[in-house]
Amino acid sequence: MANGKEGMNAIPDREVDLIPDEEGTQVLSSTGPAMMELSVLRRLAATADERVKAMSQIIRASVASCGIRDWVDLGGRPYPMEIGAERMARLWGVHVQILEGPTREDREDHYIYRTKVRVWSDLLGRSTEVVGMRTSKDPFFAVRYTRLPDGTEERRMLRLEEVNERDVAMASQTSAKVRGIMEVLGLRGLTWEDLAVYGLAQDGAAGHVAYGGQTTGPTEEEMREKIKDWLLSLNKGDMDAARKMLIEVTSFVGRDKTPVPGVNSTADLKGRRLSVTYHKVQKLAKAAGLVAEDEDAKEEE
């Protein structure tokens, strides 16, 4: 297969190691028929419970192959570092092949790099094609911080010619690769609550960053206020019903299998428990049409 001919195309067609990235990935397609015969559907339905159990075991084994220092906390969500992605990929015989790029696309005041990869596992019988995109406007590449004598930081936006173009190009590639791996293994959408079942706590992550390498998003007080607003909206202003829902979403089973009761006030939420509750209630609000699908992206800009 031929690489793209524009931009920085020093990477030949080949299988490559896995390197994680944060954002800018679009899944193009996954294996699996769009339509099936009724007889096929019936056979699948008959084994549905076994298939769910098998998928659960794949997720468990993948996560167990990593340690907490193989993950970073990216805007309140777990994301694997390079070593963690490599361990999971090797466990299931996952391969990555560059199909196109990195290819540069120029805009009026910035440029974008795209890389398309194919990711597959013969062992699992799954494959996908993913496009990774990164831009020279990304704060991770375009912002420089300088520590001042008084202990504060000075933030300066770099000129376009100062941005390291190769870093942007490689980031588009690594974004596509790791997102493709997570797709093939069925690991996209994991939360810290999911990983806590396997003893991986958010506060032990190798790093705590938001997209662009900065701490962004709502403050703890803003999260508490949004949780209140969403719960009241979901329950049509009924405070008692909202409080009951809060208790339900904040209860969980600990690692020692002991039930942990929920709380009836957002004032009792802080740290990881607040973050987990925020995203759980936000998901409910999205499902009810109370939150725009792009709100997460806006908070992390």
Foldseek 3Di string as FASTA:
>chain_A
DAAADADDDPDGWDWDAAFAADDAKDWDDKDDDPDDDPVVVVVCVVCVVVVVVVLVVLVLVLLVQDAQQQWEQALQFTDGGRVSLRSSCVVQVKTKTWDYDQHWDDDDQWIKGKTKMKIDGPSLGMITIMIFMFICQQLLFFWDWDQDPVRDIDIDGHHRVRGDPVVRRVNRVNHRRSVRSCVRSVNPPDGQVNSQLVVRHNVSYNYYAYGSRHDWFDDLVVLQVVLVVLLCVVVVNPLVSSLVVQQVLLWDQHNVRHTDTGDSHSVPDDDSSSSSSSVVSVVVCVVVVNDDPCPSVVRRD
